[in-house]
Amino acid sequence: MNKLANMRPWAERMSPNFGMSRSSMGMPVINPHQKVAPQGGPPIAATQAADALIYYSFNVPFASDLAGPDTEDILHATADAVLRWTHPEDAPDDVPVHELPVHADNLARLRKYCKDITQQSAGALEAHVLSTVPKNSRNQVTTVCLSGPSELVYRTRETILNDTPLSLVGL
């Protein structure tokens, strides 16, 4: 019994809910795991965020590394398909795949679409296309740059990506 008497003060100090402790009725409960409210300025009003101009650029992963079929392996195709997926007869052997007529046409359509967006929006939205071939790669990298109200920019990005023949990339 002497050992139990010596354990009681220790148990009371360790936890208010320990089996041999006194009740903590009437005492405020302190939760050490409560989240602390973030410090900082007031949140941005929704009207300010929606009206704010943003600059947004994103890569368009064209399927421009997709080579066309070997013309000798084609059994049946329309004349247009063969012309779109093969280089002209007089083209040199080292022409990159992204210069196939089908890929060049996809890039031209994207450029025209962005130009039309800029003209039709009357200055509310600007869209530009940049296309380069990095020094360490033969693949083409295409970037679209948009600037305008955030909601309009995000909708335009969605439309561009939905209307563009993209490569299937496993992440």
N, C-alpha and C. Protein backbone atom coordinates (compact mmCIF):
# COMPACT_ATOMS: atom_id res chain seq x y z
N MET A 1 0.81 -1.18 0.00
CA MET A 1 0.00 0.00 0.00
C MET A 1 0.85 1.24 0.00
N ASN A 2 1.99 1.14 0.61
CA ASN A 2 2.91 2.26 0.66
C ASN A 2 3.35 2.64 -0.76
N LYS A 3 3.59 1.63 -1.62
CA LYS A 3 3.97 1.91 -3.01
C LYS A 3 2.86 2.63 -3.76
N LEU A 4 1.62 2.24 -3.51
CA LEU A 4 0.49 2.89 -4.17
C LEU A 4 0.36 4.34 -3.75
N ALA A 5 0.60 4.63 -2.53
CA ALA A 5 0.54 6.00 -2.03
C ALA A 5 1.63 6.84 -2.68
N ASN A 6 2.80 6.24 -2.91
CA ASN A 6 3.88 6.98 -3.56
C ASN A 6 3.60 7.20 -5.05
N MET A 7 2.81 6.35 -5.68
CA MET A 7 2.49 6.46 -7.11
C MET A 7 1.44 7.53 -7.39
N ARG A 8 0.59 7.78 -6.40
CA ARG A 8 -0.53 8.69 -6.62
C ARG A 8 -0.07 10.09 -7.03
N PRO A 9 0.84 10.77 -6.36
CA PRO A 9 1.24 12.12 -6.80
C PRO A 9 1.85 12.10 -8.22
N TRP A 10 2.59 11.06 -8.54
CA TRP A 10 3.17 10.96 -9.88
C TRP A 10 2.07 10.84 -10.93
N ALA A 11 1.07 10.03 -10.67
CA ALA A 11 -0.01 9.81 -11.61
C ALA A 11 -0.83 11.08 -11.80
N GLU A 12 -1.02 11.85 -10.73
CA GLU A 12 -1.78 13.08 -10.84
C GLU A 12 -1.04 14.11 -11.69
N ARG A 13 0.28 14.13 -11.58
CA ARG A 13 1.08 15.09 -12.36
C ARG A 13 1.13 14.69 -13.83
N MET A 14 1.10 13.43 -14.15
CA MET A 14 1.27 12.96 -15.51
C MET A 14 0.05 13.20 -16.40
N SER A 15 -1.14 12.92 -15.92
CA SER A 15 -2.30 13.05 -16.77
C SER A 15 -3.53 13.27 -15.93
N PRO A 16 -4.35 14.25 -16.31
CA PRO A 16 -5.58 14.45 -15.54
C PRO A 16 -6.57 13.31 -15.74
N ASN A 17 -6.40 12.48 -16.74
CA ASN A 17 -7.34 11.38 -16.99
C ASN A 17 -6.78 10.04 -16.56
N PHE A 18 -5.68 10.03 -15.83
CA PHE A 18 -5.10 8.79 -15.36
C PHE A 18 -6.05 8.16 -14.35
N GLY A 19 -6.13 6.87 -14.30
CA GLY A 19 -7.11 6.16 -13.49
C GLY A 19 -7.17 6.57 -12.03
N MET A 20 -6.06 6.92 -11.41
CA MET A 20 -6.07 7.22 -9.99
C MET A 20 -6.04 8.71 -9.73
N SER A 21 -6.24 9.55 -10.70
CA SER A 21 -6.10 10.99 -10.51
C SER A 21 -7.41 11.63 -10.11
N ARG A 22 -7.29 12.87 -9.68
CA ARG A 22 -8.48 13.63 -9.31
C ARG A 22 -9.16 14.12 -10.58
N SER A 23 -10.40 14.42 -10.49
CA SER A 23 -11.16 14.93 -11.62
C SER A 23 -10.73 16.35 -11.95
N SER A 24 -10.77 16.71 -13.22
CA SER A 24 -10.37 18.05 -13.63
C SER A 24 -11.61 18.87 -14.01
N MET A 25 -12.71 18.62 -13.34
CA MET A 25 -13.95 19.34 -13.63
C MET A 25 -13.77 20.82 -13.34
N GLY A 26 -14.27 21.65 -14.22
CA GLY A 26 -14.22 23.09 -14.01
C GLY A 26 -12.94 23.73 -14.51
N MET A 27 -11.96 22.96 -14.89
CA MET A 27 -10.70 23.51 -15.37
C MET A 27 -10.77 23.63 -16.89
N PRO A 28 -10.22 24.70 -17.45
CA PRO A 28 -10.24 24.82 -18.91
C PRO A 28 -9.34 23.77 -19.55
N VAL A 29 -9.79 23.24 -20.67
CA VAL A 29 -9.04 22.23 -21.39
C VAL A 29 -8.10 22.94 -22.36
N ILE A 30 -6.85 22.62 -22.30
CA ILE A 30 -5.85 23.19 -23.19
C ILE A 30 -5.45 22.11 -24.18
N ASN A 31 -5.63 22.39 -25.45
CA ASN A 31 -5.26 21.44 -26.49
C ASN A 31 -3.95 21.91 -27.12
N PRO A 32 -2.83 21.24 -26.85
CA PRO A 32 -1.56 21.70 -27.40
C PRO A 32 -1.46 21.48 -28.91
N HIS A 33 -2.40 20.75 -29.51
CA HIS A 33 -2.33 20.46 -30.94
C HIS A 33 -3.25 21.35 -31.77
N GLN A 34 -3.79 22.41 -31.17
CA GLN A 34 -4.63 23.30 -31.95
C GLN A 34 -3.78 24.00 -32.99
N LYS A 35 -4.36 24.20 -34.14
CA LYS A 35 -3.63 24.88 -35.21
C LYS A 35 -3.62 26.37 -34.92
N VAL A 36 -2.49 26.97 -35.18
CA VAL A 36 -2.34 28.40 -34.96
C VAL A 36 -2.81 29.11 -36.23
N ALA A 37 -3.58 30.16 -36.05
CA ALA A 37 -4.05 30.93 -37.20
C ALA A 37 -2.86 31.57 -37.90
N PRO A 38 -2.85 31.59 -39.24
CA PRO A 38 -1.72 32.18 -39.96
C PRO A 38 -1.64 33.67 -39.72
N GLN A 39 -0.44 34.15 -39.59
CA GLN A 39 -0.19 35.57 -39.41
C GLN A 39 -0.01 36.20 -40.77
N GLY A 40 -0.47 37.39 -40.95
CA GLY A 40 -0.28 38.07 -42.23
C GLY A 40 -1.39 39.06 -42.46
N GLY A 41 -1.40 39.61 -43.64
CA GLY A 41 -2.37 40.61 -44.00
C GLY A 41 -3.73 40.01 -44.27
N PRO A 42 -4.69 40.87 -44.53
CA PRO A 42 -6.03 40.37 -44.81
C PRO A 42 -6.05 39.64 -46.14
N PRO A 43 -6.97 38.68 -46.32
CA PRO A 43 -7.04 37.95 -47.59
C PRO A 43 -7.43 38.87 -48.73
N ILE A 44 -7.00 38.49 -49.94
CA ILE A 44 -7.32 39.28 -51.12
C ILE A 44 -8.79 39.10 -51.45
N ALA A 45 -9.45 40.18 -51.74
CA ALA A 45 -10.87 40.11 -52.08
C ALA A 45 -11.04 39.35 -53.39
N ALA A 46 -12.14 38.62 -53.50
CA ALA A 46 -12.39 37.81 -54.69
C ALA A 46 -12.52 38.67 -55.95
N THR A 47 -13.05 39.87 -55.81
CA THR A 47 -13.19 40.72 -56.98
C THR A 47 -11.83 41.18 -57.49
N GLN A 48 -10.89 41.42 -56.59
CA GLN A 48 -9.55 41.81 -57.01
C GLN A 48 -8.86 40.67 -57.73
N ALA A 49 -8.98 39.44 -57.21
CA ALA A 49 -8.30 38.30 -57.80
C ALA A 49 -8.87 37.98 -59.18
N ALA A 50 -10.17 38.10 -59.35
CA ALA A 50 -10.79 37.76 -60.64
C ALA A 50 -10.44 38.80 -61.71
N ASP A 51 -10.28 40.06 -61.30
CA ASP A 51 -9.99 41.12 -62.26
C ASP A 51 -8.51 41.30 -62.52
N ALA A 52 -7.66 40.65 -61.74
CA ALA A 52 -6.22 40.84 -61.87
C ALA A 52 -5.71 40.28 -63.19
N LEU A 53 -4.78 41.00 -63.78
CA LEU A 53 -4.13 40.51 -64.99
C LEU A 53 -3.03 39.55 -64.59
N ILE A 54 -2.98 38.44 -65.27
CA ILE A 54 -1.91 37.48 -65.00
C ILE A 54 -1.17 37.18 -66.29
N TYR A 55 0.05 36.75 -66.15
CA TYR A 55 0.88 36.30 -67.26
C TYR A 55 1.13 34.82 -67.04
N TYR A 56 0.74 34.02 -68.00
CA TYR A 56 0.77 32.57 -67.83
C TYR A 56 1.37 31.94 -69.08
N SER A 57 2.37 31.12 -68.90
CA SER A 57 2.94 30.40 -70.04
C SER A 57 2.98 28.92 -69.72
N PHE A 58 2.79 28.12 -70.76
CA PHE A 58 2.78 26.67 -70.58
C PHE A 58 3.26 26.01 -71.86
N ASN A 59 3.86 24.86 -71.69
CA ASN A 59 4.32 24.09 -72.84
C ASN A 59 3.16 23.30 -73.42
N VAL A 60 3.16 23.23 -74.73
CA VAL A 60 2.17 22.41 -75.43
C VAL A 60 2.91 21.17 -75.92
N PRO A 61 2.65 20.02 -75.32
CA PRO A 61 3.38 18.80 -75.70
C PRO A 61 2.85 18.19 -76.99
N PHE A 62 3.19 18.84 -78.09
CA PHE A 62 2.78 18.30 -79.38
C PHE A 62 3.35 16.91 -79.58
N ALA A 63 2.71 16.13 -80.40
CA ALA A 63 3.20 14.80 -80.77
C ALA A 63 4.17 14.94 -81.94
N SER A 64 4.99 15.99 -81.92
CA SER A 64 5.85 16.30 -83.06
C SER A 64 7.07 15.39 -83.18
N ASP A 65 7.23 14.46 -82.27
CA ASP A 65 8.31 13.48 -82.42
C ASP A 65 7.77 12.17 -83.02
N LEU A 66 6.50 12.17 -83.38
CA LEU A 66 5.86 11.01 -83.98
C LEU A 66 6.17 10.99 -85.47
N ALA A 67 6.98 10.05 -85.87
CA ALA A 67 7.38 9.94 -87.28
C ALA A 67 6.28 9.26 -88.08
N GLY A 68 6.21 9.61 -89.34
CA GLY A 68 5.23 9.00 -90.23
C GLY A 68 5.67 7.59 -90.62
N PRO A 69 4.81 6.87 -91.26
CA PRO A 69 5.13 5.49 -91.66
C PRO A 69 6.10 5.48 -92.84
N ASP A 70 6.75 4.36 -93.01
CA ASP A 70 7.59 4.16 -94.19
C ASP A 70 6.64 3.98 -95.37
N THR A 71 6.85 4.76 -96.42
CA THR A 71 5.92 4.74 -97.56
C THR A 71 5.81 3.36 -98.20
N GLU A 72 6.84 2.55 -98.07
CA GLU A 72 6.79 1.21 -98.65
C GLU A 72 5.89 0.27 -97.84
N ASP A 73 5.62 0.61 -96.59
CA ASP A 73 4.78 -0.22 -95.73
C ASP A 73 3.31 0.15 -95.79
N ILE A 74 2.96 1.21 -96.49
CA ILE A 74 1.57 1.65 -96.56
C ILE A 74 0.82 0.79 -97.56
N LEU A 75 -0.25 0.16 -97.10
CA LEU A 75 -1.07 -0.66 -97.98
C LEU A 75 -2.22 0.14 -98.58
N HIS A 76 -2.85 0.96 -97.73
CA HIS A 76 -3.98 1.76 -98.20
C HIS A 76 -4.03 3.05 -97.40
N ALA A 77 -4.13 4.18 -98.08
CA ALA A 77 -4.27 5.48 -97.43
C ALA A 77 -4.75 6.48 -98.46
N THR A 78 -5.38 7.52 -97.95
CA THR A 78 -5.79 8.58 -98.87
C THR A 78 -4.53 9.33 -99.31
N ALA A 79 -4.61 10.00 -100.41
CA ALA A 79 -3.45 10.76 -100.93
C ALA A 79 -3.04 11.85 -99.95
N ASP A 80 -4.03 12.48 -99.32
CA ASP A 80 -3.71 13.54 -98.35
C ASP A 80 -2.93 12.98 -97.16
N ALA A 81 -3.28 11.80 -96.69
CA ALA A 81 -2.61 11.22 -95.53
C ALA A 81 -1.15 10.95 -95.83
N VAL A 82 -0.88 10.42 -97.00
CA VAL A 82 0.51 10.12 -97.36
C VAL A 82 1.30 11.42 -97.45
N LEU A 83 0.72 12.45 -98.03
CA LEU A 83 1.42 13.73 -98.17
C LEU A 83 1.64 14.42 -96.82
N ARG A 84 0.70 14.27 -95.89
CA ARG A 84 0.84 14.91 -94.57
C ARG A 84 1.88 14.22 -93.71
N TRP A 85 2.01 12.91 -93.83
CA TRP A 85 2.88 12.15 -92.94
C TRP A 85 4.24 11.79 -93.55
N THR A 86 4.55 12.29 -94.69
CA THR A 86 5.86 12.02 -95.29
C THR A 86 6.47 13.33 -95.78
N HIS A 87 7.80 13.35 -95.81
CA HIS A 87 8.50 14.52 -96.34
C HIS A 87 8.41 14.49 -97.87
N PRO A 88 8.48 15.65 -98.49
CA PRO A 88 8.50 15.66 -99.95
C PRO A 88 9.69 14.88 -100.50
N GLU A 89 9.56 14.44 -101.73
CA GLU A 89 10.62 13.63 -102.37
C GLU A 89 11.96 14.36 -102.39
N ASP A 90 11.95 15.67 -102.59
CA ASP A 90 13.20 16.42 -102.72
C ASP A 90 13.78 16.87 -101.37
N ALA A 91 13.18 16.47 -100.26
CA ALA A 91 13.68 16.86 -98.94
C ALA A 91 14.95 16.09 -98.60
N PRO A 92 15.92 16.75 -97.94
CA PRO A 92 17.13 16.03 -97.55
C PRO A 92 16.84 14.96 -96.50
N ASP A 93 17.77 14.06 -96.31
CA ASP A 93 17.57 12.93 -95.39
C ASP A 93 17.58 13.34 -93.92
N ASP A 94 18.20 14.44 -93.58
CA ASP A 94 18.33 14.81 -92.17
C ASP A 94 17.26 15.80 -91.69
N VAL A 95 16.13 15.87 -92.36
CA VAL A 95 15.05 16.76 -91.95
C VAL A 95 14.44 16.21 -90.66
N PRO A 96 14.31 17.06 -89.62
CA PRO A 96 13.73 16.58 -88.36
C PRO A 96 12.27 16.15 -88.51
N VAL A 97 11.86 15.25 -87.65
CA VAL A 97 10.50 14.72 -87.69
C VAL A 97 9.48 15.83 -87.46
N HIS A 98 9.80 16.81 -86.60
CA HIS A 98 8.82 17.86 -86.30
C HIS A 98 8.53 18.77 -87.50
N GLU A 99 9.29 18.60 -88.59
CA GLU A 99 9.03 19.38 -89.80
C GLU A 99 8.15 18.63 -90.80
N LEU A 100 7.64 17.47 -90.42
CA LEU A 100 6.67 16.79 -91.28
C LEU A 100 5.48 17.73 -91.49
N PRO A 101 4.85 17.68 -92.66
CA PRO A 101 3.73 18.59 -92.93
C PRO A 101 2.63 18.56 -91.87
N VAL A 102 2.32 17.39 -91.32
CA VAL A 102 1.26 17.30 -90.32
C VAL A 102 1.64 18.08 -89.06
N HIS A 103 2.90 18.01 -88.63
CA HIS A 103 3.34 18.71 -87.43
C HIS A 103 3.45 20.21 -87.69
N ALA A 104 3.97 20.58 -88.85
CA ALA A 104 4.06 21.99 -89.21
C ALA A 104 2.66 22.61 -89.30
N ASP A 105 1.69 21.85 -89.79
CA ASP A 105 0.32 22.33 -89.89
C ASP A 105 -0.29 22.53 -88.50
N ASN A 106 -0.01 21.61 -87.57
CA ASN A 106 -0.52 21.75 -86.20
C ASN A 106 0.03 23.02 -85.55
N LEU A 107 1.30 23.29 -85.74
CA LEU A 107 1.91 24.49 -85.18
C LEU A 107 1.33 25.74 -85.84
N ALA A 108 1.13 25.71 -87.15
CA ALA A 108 0.54 26.86 -87.85
C ALA A 108 -0.88 27.13 -87.36
N ARG A 109 -1.65 26.07 -87.12
CA ARG A 109 -3.01 26.24 -86.59
C ARG A 109 -3.00 26.88 -85.21
N LEU A 110 -2.06 26.44 -84.36
CA LEU A 110 -1.95 27.02 -83.02
C LEU A 110 -1.57 28.49 -83.10
N ARG A 111 -0.63 28.84 -83.96
CA ARG A 111 -0.24 30.24 -84.13
C ARG A 111 -1.43 31.09 -84.60
N LYS A 112 -2.19 30.57 -85.56
CA LYS A 112 -3.35 31.30 -86.07
C LYS A 112 -4.41 31.44 -84.99
N TYR A 113 -4.63 30.39 -84.23
CA TYR A 113 -5.61 30.43 -83.15
C TYR A 113 -5.24 31.50 -82.12
N CYS A 114 -3.98 31.55 -81.74
CA CYS A 114 -3.53 32.55 -80.77
C CYS A 114 -3.63 33.97 -81.34
N LYS A 115 -3.33 34.11 -82.61
CA LYS A 115 -3.46 35.43 -83.26
C LYS A 115 -4.93 35.86 -83.26
N ASP A 116 -5.83 34.94 -83.59
CA ASP A 116 -7.26 35.24 -83.59
C ASP A 116 -7.76 35.60 -82.20
N ILE A 117 -7.27 34.90 -81.19
CA ILE A 117 -7.67 35.19 -79.80
C ILE A 117 -7.29 36.62 -79.46
N THR A 118 -6.07 37.01 -79.79
CA THR A 118 -5.60 38.36 -79.49
C THR A 118 -6.43 39.41 -80.22
N GLN A 119 -6.74 39.18 -81.48
CA GLN A 119 -7.51 40.15 -82.26
C GLN A 119 -8.96 40.23 -81.81
N GLN A 120 -9.58 39.11 -81.50
CA GLN A 120 -10.99 39.09 -81.15
C GLN A 120 -11.27 39.58 -79.73
N SER A 121 -10.28 39.51 -78.86
CA SER A 121 -10.52 39.91 -77.47
C SER A 121 -10.42 41.42 -77.27
N ALA A 122 -10.06 42.16 -78.31
CA ALA A 122 -9.97 43.62 -78.25
C ALA A 122 -9.07 44.08 -77.10
N GLY A 123 -7.94 43.43 -76.94
CA GLY A 123 -6.97 43.84 -75.93
C GLY A 123 -7.17 43.22 -74.56
N ALA A 124 -8.26 42.48 -74.35
CA ALA A 124 -8.50 41.87 -73.04
C ALA A 124 -7.57 40.68 -72.79
N LEU A 125 -7.17 40.01 -73.87
CA LEU A 125 -6.32 38.82 -73.74
C LEU A 125 -5.31 38.83 -74.87
N GLU A 126 -4.08 38.50 -74.54
CA GLU A 126 -3.04 38.37 -75.56
C GLU A 126 -2.51 36.95 -75.51
N ALA A 127 -2.29 36.38 -76.69
CA ALA A 127 -1.79 35.01 -76.81
C ALA A 127 -0.68 34.98 -77.85
N HIS A 128 0.43 34.38 -77.47
CA HIS A 128 1.58 34.26 -78.37
C HIS A 128 2.13 32.85 -78.31
N VAL A 129 2.75 32.41 -79.41
CA VAL A 129 3.35 31.09 -79.47
C VAL A 129 4.84 31.24 -79.73
N LEU A 130 5.62 30.54 -78.94
CA LEU A 130 7.07 30.47 -79.14
C LEU A 130 7.41 29.02 -79.40
N SER A 131 8.21 28.78 -80.42
CA SER A 131 8.59 27.42 -80.74
C SER A 131 10.08 27.38 -81.03
N THR A 132 10.79 26.52 -80.32
CA THR A 132 12.24 26.41 -80.48
C THR A 132 12.66 24.95 -80.48
N VAL A 133 13.88 24.75 -80.95
CA VAL A 133 14.51 23.43 -80.87
C VAL A 133 15.76 23.63 -80.03
N PRO A 134 15.76 23.11 -78.78
CA PRO A 134 16.93 23.27 -77.93
C PRO A 134 18.18 22.67 -78.56
N LYS A 135 19.34 23.20 -78.20
CA LYS A 135 20.62 22.74 -78.76
C LYS A 135 20.87 21.26 -78.49
N ASN A 136 20.47 20.80 -77.31
CA ASN A 136 20.76 19.41 -76.92
C ASN A 136 19.67 18.43 -77.33
N SER A 137 18.75 18.86 -78.20
CA SER A 137 17.64 17.98 -78.58
C SER A 137 17.23 18.26 -80.02
N ARG A 138 16.67 17.26 -80.65
CA ARG A 138 16.11 17.45 -81.99
C ARG A 138 14.60 17.66 -81.92
N ASN A 139 14.03 17.53 -80.73
CA ASN A 139 12.59 17.70 -80.55
C ASN A 139 12.25 19.17 -80.39
N GLN A 140 11.12 19.54 -80.90
CA GLN A 140 10.63 20.91 -80.84
C GLN A 140 9.90 21.15 -79.52
N VAL A 141 10.12 22.34 -78.94
CA VAL A 141 9.43 22.73 -77.72
C VAL A 141 8.55 23.93 -78.07
N THR A 142 7.26 23.80 -77.82
CA THR A 142 6.30 24.87 -78.13
C THR A 142 5.71 25.39 -76.84
N THR A 143 5.75 26.72 -76.67
CA THR A 143 5.24 27.37 -75.47
C THR A 143 4.20 28.41 -75.88
N VAL A 144 3.08 28.43 -75.17
CA VAL A 144 2.06 29.44 -75.37
C VAL A 144 2.13 30.40 -74.19
N CYS A 145 2.13 31.69 -74.49
CA CYS A 145 2.15 32.72 -73.46
C CYS A 145 0.82 33.48 -73.52
N LEU A 146 0.13 33.53 -72.40
CA LEU A 146 -1.16 34.22 -72.31
C LEU A 146 -1.07 35.32 -71.26
N SER A 147 -1.72 36.44 -71.52
CA SER A 147 -1.83 37.48 -70.50
C SER A 147 -3.21 38.10 -70.60
N GLY A 148 -3.83 38.28 -69.42
CA GLY A 148 -5.18 38.83 -69.36
C GLY A 148 -5.81 38.51 -68.01
N PRO A 149 -7.11 38.70 -67.90
CA PRO A 149 -7.81 38.35 -66.65
C PRO A 149 -7.68 36.85 -66.37
N SER A 150 -7.48 36.52 -65.11
CA SER A 150 -7.16 35.13 -64.75
C SER A 150 -8.20 34.13 -65.24
N GLU A 151 -9.47 34.41 -65.08
CA GLU A 151 -10.50 33.45 -65.50
C GLU A 151 -10.44 33.22 -67.01
N LEU A 152 -10.26 34.29 -67.77
CA LEU A 152 -10.18 34.18 -69.22
C LEU A 152 -8.92 33.43 -69.65
N VAL A 153 -7.82 33.67 -68.97
CA VAL A 153 -6.56 32.98 -69.28
C VAL A 153 -6.70 31.48 -69.03
N TYR A 154 -7.28 31.10 -67.90
CA TYR A 154 -7.41 29.68 -67.59
C TYR A 154 -8.37 28.98 -68.54
N ARG A 155 -9.46 29.64 -68.92
CA ARG A 155 -10.39 29.05 -69.89
C ARG A 155 -9.73 28.88 -71.25
N THR A 156 -8.93 29.88 -71.66
CA THR A 156 -8.25 29.81 -72.95
C THR A 156 -7.22 28.69 -72.95
N ARG A 157 -6.48 28.54 -71.86
CA ARG A 157 -5.50 27.45 -71.75
C ARG A 157 -6.20 26.10 -71.89
N GLU A 158 -7.33 25.95 -71.21
CA GLU A 158 -8.08 24.70 -71.29
C GLU A 158 -8.52 24.42 -72.73
N THR A 159 -9.02 25.45 -73.40
CA THR A 159 -9.47 25.29 -74.78
C THR A 159 -8.32 24.91 -75.70
N ILE A 160 -7.19 25.57 -75.53
CA ILE A 160 -6.02 25.27 -76.36
C ILE A 160 -5.58 23.82 -76.18
N LEU A 161 -5.48 23.39 -74.94
CA LEU A 161 -5.03 22.02 -74.68
C LEU A 161 -6.05 20.98 -75.14
N ASN A 162 -7.33 21.31 -75.08
CA ASN A 162 -8.36 20.37 -75.54
C ASN A 162 -8.42 20.27 -77.06
N ASP A 163 -8.04 21.34 -77.75
CA ASP A 163 -8.14 21.38 -79.21
C ASP A 163 -6.83 21.07 -79.92
N THR A 164 -5.81 20.70 -79.18
CA THR A 164 -4.48 20.47 -79.76
C THR A 164 -4.14 18.99 -79.73
N PRO A 165 -3.59 18.46 -80.84
CA PRO A 165 -3.17 17.05 -80.83
C PRO A 165 -1.91 16.88 -79.99
N LEU A 166 -2.08 16.40 -78.78
CA LEU A 166 -0.99 16.30 -77.83
C LEU A 166 -0.39 14.90 -77.84
N SER A 167 0.86 14.83 -77.42
CA SER A 167 1.49 13.52 -77.29
C SER A 167 0.99 12.87 -76.01
N LEU A 168 0.93 11.57 -76.00
CA LEU A 168 0.53 10.83 -74.82
C LEU A 168 1.77 10.55 -74.01
N VAL A 169 1.83 11.18 -72.83
CA VAL A 169 3.02 11.08 -72.00
C VAL A 169 2.63 10.37 -70.71
N GLY A 170 3.38 9.37 -70.34
CA GLY A 170 3.15 8.68 -69.08
C GLY A 170 3.93 9.38 -67.98
N LEU A 171 3.25 9.73 -66.90
CA LEU A 171 3.93 10.42 -65.81
C LEU A 171 4.22 9.49 -64.68
